[in-house]
């Protein structure tokens, strides 16, 4: 893949083969920034997973960097006001089931009470394709509407390993203080270590790299269990 002049120039500012500690890596990503917009800072972690293993969960970063999420709650009518009072943007049952079935997706995350999943499950072709299907594993299928909505409004973020065993997750913006970005990175790596499968092989974390949306990657010197 060919890269532009600015990208190639940024490669001269550091050693692409060297591994840096998290704080240095986050500062480097900021220093290597060359485009005019505020890029997202992205972390990629390659994991050694067996065929029957996966890693999937959620966390709330200590330093937020995304706009407030629009939350849709699928619930019975007697719980609509509870959902709205908790901060949901939309809440209801039949009205929103029909709207989503028709292709409406003007929300960022969906929550459902367990008694609604029979109907919500029928929207799999619409919600699943966009990664919006409520799931008990990520806390978006729950009877505790207020708690779920509150966490999502605080910026609760889902992460999961792809088929290649790599977790990609946004951890900040280039405009942020690099120390705040580093704290987000360390928070995520600690959470990932806690979610390691009990029977995971030695060398569970193969590699860690961080980059901005358009910039080159910086290898992170990460020791498992830190």
Foldseek 3Di string as FASTA:
>chain_A
DDDDPLQVVLCVVDPQVDAAALLVQLVSQLVSDDDDDWFFKKKKWAFDDDPPDKFKEKDFAPDDADDFWAEEEADDPVCFVVLVVLPHNYYYHPVVLVVVLVPDDPGDEYAYEPVRCVSLVVSCVRCVVVVHRQDVRHPRHHPPNSVSSNRVRSPMDMWIADPRRMIMDTQHISPDDSVSSSSSVVVVLVVRLVRPDPPGDPCRTVWMWMHTPRHDIHTHPDDRPD
